[in-house]
Amino acid sequence: MEWWMTLVLIFICLMFLFVIGVPVAFSFLFINIIGVYVFWGGEAGLTQLIRSIYRSVATFALLPVPLFILMGEIMFRSGLAPKMMDTLDKWLGRIPGRLSMLAIGGGTLFSTLSGSAMAGCAMLGSVLVPEMEKRGYKKQMSIGPILGSGGLAIMIPPSALGVLLASLSRISVGGMLVAIIIPGIIMALLYAAYIVIRCLLQPELAPSYEVSRPSFSEKIFLTCKYVLPLSTIVFLVIGLMFLGIATPTESAALGALGCFVLVFIYKGWDWEAMTSSISHTLKITVMMFMIMTGAMAFSQILAFSGASSGLVKLAGSLDMHPMFILIFMQIILLFMGVFMEPLTIMMVTLPVYMPIIKALGFDPIWFGTIMLINMEMATTTPPFGLVLFVMKGVAPPDTTMGDIYKAGLPFLVCDGIAMGLVMAFPWLALYLPSLM
């Protein structure tokens, strides 16, 4: 059988399993069992599959994933994040779209403490949306900024998806996490610029109101009490890794330990918050690792069947500029983001995409950064973006899914602009890794 026929058959079977509702992990497992039996020689192939599954998760490179998720769960369930938001609110004057800007600033800071876009959206939505509604904010300016900034958890370390992408692609985890910092900041700045411009043109979207003016000393006190201690967590995770003092795994462990210590200092031992955080972390981690084991074996099947090498040769023989091939790959990812969640998209496409990217001479870390921006867009792309449904759960009862879709579209445009900038100027992603 020709390699392209094998590839088409595999993907048709995989998509069929997704459509009929088979869980992603079990879909990959079923395809892998059939694949290894055909391409790896019967029972010997099944034995090799078991070994491959074990090796795919028995690696220190994946340890940051549960630790990053645990950090976000602790911050979300302990109640420390809302206190940080209240402190940031003290520093904002009567700027256009004040609460929307608070959502962007708070979401960006929370992203440095959490590897979960859904946790960020849930926290921001439950804290800010009721206040925005009370102040007369339209849904475009109350829901939209939270959809945008909540997804920044993918683009600002610690990023669980960033670790998974690096592990699947066999590239530096530390380099990948550092590479997404500048693009993530650019996305936050684009969100803020959009809010200010839109509110200046249409003030009725975010009516101004009188705010209390705390003294400078009070703002400094609250910042030292609630923001600076949290910034030490950021340094433990990003700073130590960037300086080469700690590996990504060690940085993640220090960050999780720091979160436990902060919760104990501020609130004492909150047993309910701790057990809930650990329970949800275990559930998410097991789900991610089950999918990943299937995806790693899936990539090996593509290699043994000749599909990977066939795609590489095809890409090299195309009479077009490599950048057009890259753009076409991103368009496919955007289309998949309409129907699938980011982790599944990565598992399906990375085994196919990475050999092509390396054959075309592109830097894998640069491509990984572009792909993560695309995955951030997938979380807020109608109709099935995961963050959209989280927002529906915390939004006021009169909010429809149509309202949420409409509110998120301008921020998807900002994401597209950020992706274009990173594609046009690769140094935006590669400068910080070059300093490590």
Protein backbone atom coordinates (compact mmCIF):
# COMPACT_ATOMS: atom_id res chain seq x y z
CA MET A 1 0.00 0.00 0.00
CA GLU A 2 1.27 3.48 -0.89
CA TRP A 3 2.24 5.72 2.04
CA TRP A 4 -0.43 8.29 1.23
CA MET A 5 -3.15 5.64 1.18
CA THR A 6 -1.98 4.44 4.59
CA LEU A 7 -2.04 8.01 5.92
CA VAL A 8 -5.52 8.73 4.58
CA LEU A 9 -6.88 5.44 5.96
CA ILE A 10 -5.40 6.09 9.41
CA PHE A 11 -6.84 9.60 9.62
CA ILE A 12 -10.27 8.53 8.34
CA CYS A 13 -10.44 5.85 11.03
CA LEU A 14 -9.24 8.29 13.69
CA MET A 15 -11.77 10.98 12.73
CA PHE A 16 -14.55 8.37 12.62
CA LEU A 17 -13.78 7.32 16.18
CA PHE A 18 -13.79 10.96 17.31
CA VAL A 19 -17.14 11.62 15.61
CA ILE A 20 -18.92 8.63 17.17
CA GLY A 21 -17.79 9.78 20.61
CA VAL A 22 -14.95 7.41 21.48
CA PRO A 23 -12.63 9.19 23.97
CA VAL A 24 -9.47 10.56 22.38
CA ALA A 25 -7.10 8.36 24.39
CA PHE A 26 -8.99 5.17 23.47
CA SER A 27 -9.24 6.26 19.82
CA PHE A 28 -5.46 6.50 19.63
CA LEU A 29 -5.09 3.19 21.47
CA PHE A 30 -7.38 1.38 19.02
CA ILE A 31 -5.56 2.80 15.97
CA ASN A 32 -2.20 1.96 17.54
CA ILE A 33 -3.14 -1.66 18.22
CA ILE A 34 -4.26 -2.17 14.62
CA GLY A 35 -1.24 -0.26 13.30
CA VAL A 36 1.42 -2.15 15.24
CA TYR A 37 -0.16 -5.47 14.34
CA VAL A 38 0.00 -4.60 10.64
CA PHE A 39 3.31 -2.70 10.44
CA TRP A 40 5.33 -4.17 13.34
CA GLY A 41 4.69 -7.86 12.83
CA GLY A 42 1.78 -9.21 14.86
CA GLU A 43 2.30 -10.10 18.52
CA ALA A 44 5.88 -8.81 18.55
CA GLY A 45 4.49 -5.42 17.54
CA LEU A 46 2.03 -5.43 20.43
CA THR A 47 4.89 -6.09 22.85
CA GLN A 48 6.81 -3.19 21.35
CA LEU A 49 3.70 -0.99 21.69
CA ILE A 50 3.58 -1.62 25.44
CA ARG A 51 7.25 -0.68 25.76
CA SER A 52 6.72 2.47 23.70
CA ILE A 53 3.78 3.53 25.86
CA TYR A 54 5.87 3.12 29.02
CA ARG A 55 8.84 5.04 27.59
CA SER A 56 6.61 7.89 26.39
CA VAL A 57 5.63 8.88 29.94
CA ALA A 58 8.60 7.58 31.97
CA THR A 59 10.58 10.77 31.41
CA PHE A 60 11.52 13.72 33.62
CA ALA A 61 10.63 16.08 30.75
CA LEU A 62 6.92 15.57 31.50
CA LEU A 63 7.09 16.14 35.26
CA PRO A 64 6.44 19.91 34.97
CA VAL A 65 2.99 19.22 33.50
CA PRO A 66 1.20 18.06 36.69
CA LEU A 67 3.17 20.56 38.78
CA PHE A 68 2.15 23.51 36.58
CA ILE A 69 -1.48 22.37 36.66
CA LEU A 70 -1.28 22.02 40.45
CA MET A 71 -0.02 25.61 40.76
CA GLY A 72 -3.02 26.93 38.87
CA GLU A 73 -5.47 24.81 40.85
CA ILE A 74 -4.02 26.03 44.16
CA MET A 75 -4.17 29.68 43.14
CA PHE A 76 -7.73 29.28 41.84
CA ARG A 77 -9.22 27.31 44.72
CA SER A 78 -7.40 28.99 47.62
CA GLY A 79 -8.80 32.46 46.90
CA LEU A 80 -5.39 34.15 46.65
CA ALA A 81 -5.86 35.18 43.02
CA PRO A 82 -8.89 37.45 43.71
CA LYS A 83 -6.84 39.31 46.36
CA MET A 84 -4.18 39.94 43.73
CA MET A 85 -6.89 41.28 41.43
CA ASP A 86 -8.18 43.65 44.12
CA THR A 87 -4.67 45.02 44.59
CA LEU A 88 -4.19 45.61 40.87
CA ASP A 89 -7.54 47.39 40.82
CA LYS A 90 -6.19 49.97 43.29
CA TRP A 91 -3.53 51.06 40.79
CA LEU A 92 -5.91 51.69 37.90
CA GLY A 93 -7.22 55.22 37.52
CA ARG A 94 -10.09 56.32 35.32
CA ILE A 95 -8.72 54.80 32.14
CA PRO A 96 -11.07 53.80 29.30
CA GLY A 97 -12.48 50.34 29.91
CA ARG A 98 -11.07 50.20 33.42
CA LEU A 99 -12.44 46.80 34.45
CA SER A 100 -11.69 45.33 31.02
CA MET A 101 -8.08 46.46 31.42
CA LEU A 102 -8.08 44.88 34.88
CA ALA A 103 -9.16 41.61 33.26
CA ILE A 104 -6.20 41.78 30.87
CA GLY A 105 -3.68 42.71 33.58
CA GLY A 106 -5.02 40.20 36.07
CA GLY A 107 -5.27 37.47 33.46
CA THR A 108 -1.68 38.04 32.39
CA LEU A 109 -0.41 37.87 35.97
CA PHE A 110 -2.55 34.84 36.78
CA SER A 111 -1.14 33.13 33.69
CA THR A 112 2.33 33.31 35.26
CA LEU A 113 0.98 31.23 38.15
CA SER A 114 -1.22 28.79 36.24
CA GLY A 115 -0.80 26.43 33.33
CA SER A 116 -4.55 26.18 32.76
CA ALA A 117 -6.58 28.46 30.46
CA MET A 118 -9.85 27.13 31.88
CA ALA A 119 -8.84 27.93 35.48
CA GLY A 120 -7.89 31.47 34.44
CA CYS A 121 -11.18 32.06 32.64
CA ALA A 122 -13.22 30.63 35.52
CA MET A 123 -11.44 32.80 38.10
CA LEU A 124 -11.64 36.02 36.08
CA GLY A 125 -15.22 35.40 35.00
CA SER A 126 -16.54 34.68 38.48
CA VAL A 127 -14.76 37.70 40.01
CA LEU A 128 -15.09 40.40 37.33
CA VAL A 129 -18.16 39.74 35.17
CA PRO A 130 -20.74 40.45 37.92
CA GLU A 131 -18.99 43.75 38.74
CA MET A 132 -18.81 44.69 35.05
CA GLU A 133 -22.51 43.97 34.59
CA LYS A 134 -23.33 46.12 37.63
CA ARG A 135 -21.30 49.00 36.16
CA GLY A 136 -23.18 48.84 32.86
CA TYR A 137 -20.48 47.23 30.72
CA LYS A 138 -21.70 45.70 27.48
CA LYS A 139 -20.97 42.04 26.95
CA GLN A 140 -18.30 42.79 24.32
CA MET A 141 -16.26 44.52 27.02
CA SER A 142 -17.09 42.27 29.95
CA ILE A 143 -16.82 38.80 28.43
CA GLY A 144 -14.38 39.39 25.55
CA PRO A 145 -11.32 40.50 27.59
CA ILE A 146 -11.70 37.52 29.90
CA LEU A 147 -11.85 35.10 26.97
CA GLY A 148 -8.67 36.62 25.59
CA SER A 149 -6.64 36.92 28.78
CA GLY A 150 -7.79 33.56 30.15
CA GLY A 151 -6.22 31.83 27.17
CA LEU A 152 -2.87 33.51 27.85
CA ALA A 153 -2.10 30.64 30.24
CA ILE A 154 -1.08 28.72 27.11
CA MET A 155 1.29 31.49 26.00
CA ILE A 156 2.92 32.58 29.26
CA PRO A 157 4.98 30.17 31.39
CA PRO A 158 4.15 27.96 33.16
CA SER A 159 2.38 26.43 30.16
CA ALA A 160 1.40 22.77 30.42
CA LEU A 161 0.71 22.62 26.68
CA GLY A 162 4.15 24.14 26.04
CA VAL A 163 5.77 21.30 27.97
CA LEU A 164 3.73 18.69 26.10
CA LEU A 165 4.56 20.24 22.73
CA ALA A 166 8.27 20.27 23.53
CA SER A 167 8.19 16.67 24.76
CA LEU A 168 6.29 15.42 21.72
CA SER A 169 8.62 17.32 19.39
CA ARG A 170 11.77 16.28 21.27
CA ILE A 171 12.96 19.86 21.69
CA SER A 172 14.17 21.76 24.76
CA VAL A 173 11.37 22.21 27.30
CA GLY A 174 13.13 25.21 28.87
CA GLY A 175 13.74 26.79 25.48
CA MET A 176 10.09 26.33 24.51
CA LEU A 177 8.78 27.88 27.73
CA VAL A 178 11.10 30.89 27.45
CA ALA A 179 10.33 31.36 23.73
CA ILE A 180 6.63 32.03 24.34
CA ILE A 181 7.18 34.89 26.83
CA ILE A 182 7.58 37.76 24.32
CA PRO A 183 4.72 36.59 22.03
CA GLY A 184 2.49 36.21 25.10
CA ILE A 185 3.26 39.77 26.22
CA ILE A 186 2.59 41.04 22.68
CA MET A 187 -0.83 39.37 22.73
CA ALA A 188 -1.67 41.01 26.07
CA LEU A 189 -0.60 44.42 24.72
CA LEU A 190 -2.73 43.94 21.61
CA TYR A 191 -5.74 43.11 23.79
CA ALA A 192 -5.14 46.24 25.89
CA ALA A 193 -4.72 48.46 22.82
CA TYR A 194 -7.96 47.14 21.33
CA ILE A 195 -9.87 47.83 24.56
CA VAL A 196 -8.59 51.40 24.89
CA ILE A 197 -9.26 52.27 21.24
CA ARG A 198 -12.71 50.66 21.22
CA CYS A 199 -13.73 52.36 24.46
CA LEU A 200 -12.52 55.76 23.22
CA LEU A 201 -14.59 55.33 20.06
CA GLN A 202 -17.63 53.84 21.83
CA PRO A 203 -17.62 54.97 25.50
CA GLU A 204 -21.05 53.43 26.07
CA LEU A 205 -19.49 49.94 25.88
CA ALA A 206 -17.67 50.54 29.17
CA PRO A 207 -19.17 53.51 31.06
CA SER A 208 -16.81 55.40 33.34
CA TYR A 209 -17.64 55.69 37.03
CA GLU A 210 -16.28 57.29 40.18
CA VAL A 211 -13.68 55.20 41.96
CA SER A 212 -12.13 55.52 45.38
CA ARG A 213 -8.58 56.79 45.41
CA PRO A 214 -6.51 54.96 48.00
CA SER A 215 -3.35 56.62 49.23
CA PHE A 216 -0.03 55.78 47.64
CA SER A 217 1.17 54.18 50.88
CA GLU A 218 -1.91 51.93 50.98
CA LYS A 219 -1.30 50.78 47.40
CA ILE A 220 2.35 50.05 48.18
CA PHE A 221 1.35 48.10 51.31
CA LEU A 222 -1.20 45.96 49.45
CA THR A 223 1.25 45.35 46.60
CA CYS A 224 3.93 44.18 49.01
CA LYS A 225 1.39 41.99 50.81
CA TYR A 226 -0.38 40.30 47.90
CA VAL A 227 1.51 40.85 44.63
CA LEU A 228 5.22 40.68 45.49
CA PRO A 229 4.96 37.29 47.25
CA LEU A 230 3.22 35.90 44.18
CA SER A 231 5.95 37.38 41.98
CA THR A 232 8.46 35.22 43.87
CA ILE A 233 6.60 32.22 42.45
CA VAL A 234 7.10 33.67 38.98
CA PHE A 235 10.83 33.99 39.66
CA LEU A 236 11.05 30.43 40.96
CA VAL A 237 9.42 29.09 37.79
CA ILE A 238 10.77 31.36 35.06
CA GLY A 239 13.75 33.19 36.56
CA LEU A 240 15.66 30.16 37.84
CA MET A 241 15.07 28.30 34.60
CA PHE A 242 16.15 31.26 32.45
CA LEU A 243 19.31 31.79 34.54
CA GLY A 244 20.19 28.12 34.19
CA ILE A 245 20.06 27.53 37.95
CA ALA A 246 17.23 24.99 37.76
CA THR A 247 15.80 22.65 35.14
CA PRO A 248 12.14 23.02 34.08
CA THR A 249 11.22 20.12 36.35
CA GLU A 250 13.02 21.62 39.34
CA SER A 251 11.50 25.05 38.66
CA ALA A 252 8.01 23.55 38.48
CA ALA A 253 8.54 21.71 41.77
CA LEU A 254 9.75 24.89 43.47
CA GLY A 255 6.77 26.81 42.07
CA ALA A 256 4.26 24.26 43.38
CA LEU A 257 5.99 24.21 46.78
CA GLY A 258 5.94 28.01 46.85
CA CYS A 259 2.19 28.02 46.17
CA PHE A 260 1.60 25.64 49.09
CA VAL A 261 3.71 27.87 51.38
CA LEU A 262 1.85 31.04 50.35
CA VAL A 263 -1.55 29.45 50.96
CA PHE A 264 -0.39 28.32 54.40
CA ILE A 265 0.93 31.82 55.26
CA TYR A 266 -2.18 33.68 54.11
CA LYS A 267 -4.96 31.27 55.02
CA GLY A 268 -3.52 28.56 57.23
CA TRP A 269 -3.95 24.94 56.20
CA ASP A 270 -7.08 24.98 54.03
CA TRP A 271 -7.69 21.24 53.80
CA GLU A 272 -10.67 21.50 51.46
CA ALA A 273 -8.81 23.72 48.96
CA MET A 274 -5.73 21.48 49.04
CA THR A 275 -7.58 18.21 48.52
CA SER A 276 -9.71 19.73 45.77
CA SER A 277 -6.61 21.11 44.02
CA ILE A 278 -4.79 17.79 44.15
CA SER A 279 -7.87 15.83 43.03
CA HIS A 280 -8.48 18.01 39.97
CA THR A 281 -4.77 17.99 39.12
CA LEU A 282 -4.71 14.19 39.13
CA LYS A 283 -7.79 13.96 36.90
CA ILE A 284 -6.41 16.42 34.32
CA THR A 285 -2.92 14.88 34.38
CA VAL A 286 -4.16 11.31 33.89
CA MET A 287 -6.30 12.45 30.96
CA MET A 288 -3.37 14.28 29.35
CA PHE A 289 -0.91 11.43 29.85
CA MET A 290 -3.31 8.81 28.48
CA ILE A 291 -3.72 10.86 25.31
CA MET A 292 0.01 11.46 25.09
CA THR A 293 0.94 7.78 25.35
CA GLY A 294 -1.32 7.08 22.39
CA ALA A 295 0.08 9.99 20.40
CA MET A 296 3.71 8.96 20.91
CA ALA A 297 3.00 5.44 19.66
CA PHE A 298 0.95 6.97 16.82
CA SER A 299 3.99 8.95 15.64
CA GLN A 300 6.06 5.76 15.57
CA ILE A 301 3.41 4.01 13.48
CA LEU A 302 3.49 6.87 10.98
CA ALA A 303 7.26 6.47 10.77
CA PHE A 304 7.18 2.67 10.32
CA SER A 305 4.41 2.86 7.72
CA GLY A 306 6.47 5.28 5.61
CA ALA A 307 3.90 8.07 5.95
CA SER A 308 6.25 10.48 7.75
CA SER A 309 9.09 10.07 5.25
CA GLY A 310 6.61 10.29 2.37
CA LEU A 311 5.25 13.60 3.66
CA VAL A 312 8.76 14.98 4.10
CA LYS A 313 9.68 14.06 0.51
CA LEU A 314 6.41 15.55 -0.75
CA ALA A 315 7.01 18.84 1.08
CA GLY A 316 10.56 19.02 -0.27
CA SER A 317 9.41 18.42 -3.84
CA LEU A 318 6.70 21.11 -3.85
CA ASP A 319 7.53 24.04 -6.10
CA MET A 320 6.60 26.74 -3.60
CA HIS A 321 8.27 28.84 -0.94
CA PRO A 322 8.54 27.01 2.42
CA MET A 323 6.71 29.91 4.09
CA PHE A 324 3.60 29.16 2.04
CA ILE A 325 3.73 25.56 3.26
CA LEU A 326 3.97 26.86 6.83
CA ILE A 327 0.97 29.16 6.31
CA PHE A 328 -1.05 26.28 4.84
CA MET A 329 -0.21 24.17 7.90
CA GLN A 330 -1.48 26.94 10.19
CA ILE A 331 -4.71 27.23 8.20
CA ILE A 332 -5.29 23.51 8.74
CA LEU A 333 -4.73 23.98 12.48
CA LEU A 334 -7.19 26.90 12.54
CA PHE A 335 -9.81 24.76 10.83
CA MET A 336 -9.24 21.89 13.26
CA GLY A 337 -9.55 24.35 16.15
CA VAL A 338 -13.19 24.92 15.20
CA PHE A 339 -14.07 21.31 16.05
CA MET A 340 -11.34 19.96 18.35
CA GLU A 341 -9.65 20.95 21.60
CA PRO A 342 -5.94 21.94 21.58
CA LEU A 343 -4.44 18.82 23.13
CA THR A 344 -6.11 16.54 20.60
CA ILE A 345 -5.01 18.77 17.71
CA MET A 346 -1.41 18.65 18.91
CA MET A 347 -1.47 14.89 19.32
CA VAL A 348 -2.83 14.37 15.80
CA THR A 349 -0.71 16.90 13.91
CA LEU A 350 2.68 17.09 15.61
CA PRO A 351 3.83 13.61 14.51
CA VAL A 352 3.10 14.72 10.94
CA TYR A 353 4.18 18.35 11.11
CA MET A 354 7.52 18.20 12.93
CA PRO A 355 9.40 16.06 10.38
CA ILE A 356 8.22 18.45 7.64
CA ILE A 357 9.26 21.54 9.62
CA LYS A 358 12.75 20.15 10.20
CA ALA A 359 13.07 19.13 6.54
CA LEU A 360 12.12 22.67 5.44
CA GLY A 361 14.85 24.13 7.66
CA PHE A 362 12.57 25.96 10.12
CA ASP A 363 13.50 26.25 13.79
CA PRO A 364 11.28 23.81 15.76
CA ILE A 365 11.03 26.20 18.74
CA TRP A 366 9.86 29.01 16.46
CA PHE A 367 7.28 26.72 14.88
CA GLY A 368 6.21 25.50 18.32
CA THR A 369 5.58 29.10 19.40
CA ILE A 370 3.41 29.75 16.33
CA MET A 371 1.52 26.52 16.95
CA LEU A 372 0.84 27.44 20.58
CA ILE A 373 -0.66 30.76 19.46
CA ASN A 374 -2.89 28.71 17.18
CA MET A 375 -3.81 26.44 20.07
CA GLU A 376 -4.65 29.49 22.20
CA MET A 377 -7.03 30.55 19.43
CA ALA A 378 -8.57 27.05 19.43
CA THR A 379 -9.68 27.52 23.06
CA THR A 380 -11.86 30.50 22.05
CA THR A 381 -12.86 29.52 18.49
CA PRO A 382 -16.62 28.99 18.04
CA PRO A 383 -18.47 26.74 18.35
CA PHE A 384 -16.53 24.23 20.50
CA GLY A 385 -13.74 26.22 22.20
CA LEU A 386 -13.35 24.94 25.77
CA VAL A 387 -12.98 28.41 27.29
CA LEU A 388 -16.28 29.45 25.67
CA PHE A 389 -18.14 26.81 27.67
CA VAL A 390 -16.30 27.73 30.87
CA MET A 391 -17.40 31.34 30.34
CA LYS A 392 -20.99 30.21 29.79
CA GLY A 393 -20.83 28.51 33.18
CA VAL A 394 -19.76 31.64 35.09
CA ALA A 395 -21.53 34.34 33.02
CA PRO A 396 -24.89 35.88 34.07
CA PRO A 397 -27.95 33.72 33.24
CA ASP A 398 -29.10 36.00 30.42
CA THR A 399 -25.85 35.47 28.49
CA THR A 400 -26.26 33.37 25.33
CA MET A 401 -23.58 31.42 23.48
CA GLY A 402 -24.07 33.91 20.64
CA ASP A 403 -23.08 36.75 22.99
CA ILE A 404 -19.94 34.85 23.98
CA TYR A 405 -18.99 34.06 20.37
CA LYS A 406 -19.41 37.71 19.36
CA ALA A 407 -17.40 38.99 22.34
CA GLY A 408 -14.47 36.70 21.60
CA LEU A 409 -14.04 37.44 17.87
CA PRO A 410 -12.03 40.72 18.20
CA PHE A 411 -9.56 38.97 20.47
CA LEU A 412 -9.16 36.15 17.95
CA VAL A 413 -8.19 38.86 15.44
CA CYS A 414 -5.57 40.13 17.91
CA ASP A 415 -4.24 36.57 18.20
CA GLY A 416 -4.01 36.37 14.41
CA ILE A 417 -2.01 39.61 14.32
CA ALA A 418 0.35 38.26 16.97
CA MET A 419 0.81 35.05 14.98
CA GLY A 420 1.60 37.06 11.86
CA LEU A 421 4.20 39.12 13.75
CA VAL A 422 5.96 36.00 15.06
CA MET A 423 5.96 34.45 11.59
CA ALA A 424 7.35 37.65 10.04
CA PHE A 425 9.91 38.26 12.80
CA PRO A 426 11.20 34.92 14.16
CA TRP A 427 13.50 36.68 16.65
CA LEU A 428 10.41 37.49 18.73
CA ALA A 429 10.35 33.80 19.69
CA LEU A 430 14.04 32.96 19.41
CA TYR A 431 15.74 35.89 21.17
CA LEU A 432 15.22 34.78 24.77
CA PRO A 433 16.13 31.11 24.13
CA SER A 434 19.36 32.31 22.51
CA LEU A 435 20.36 33.91 25.84
CA MET A 436 20.00 30.68 27.83
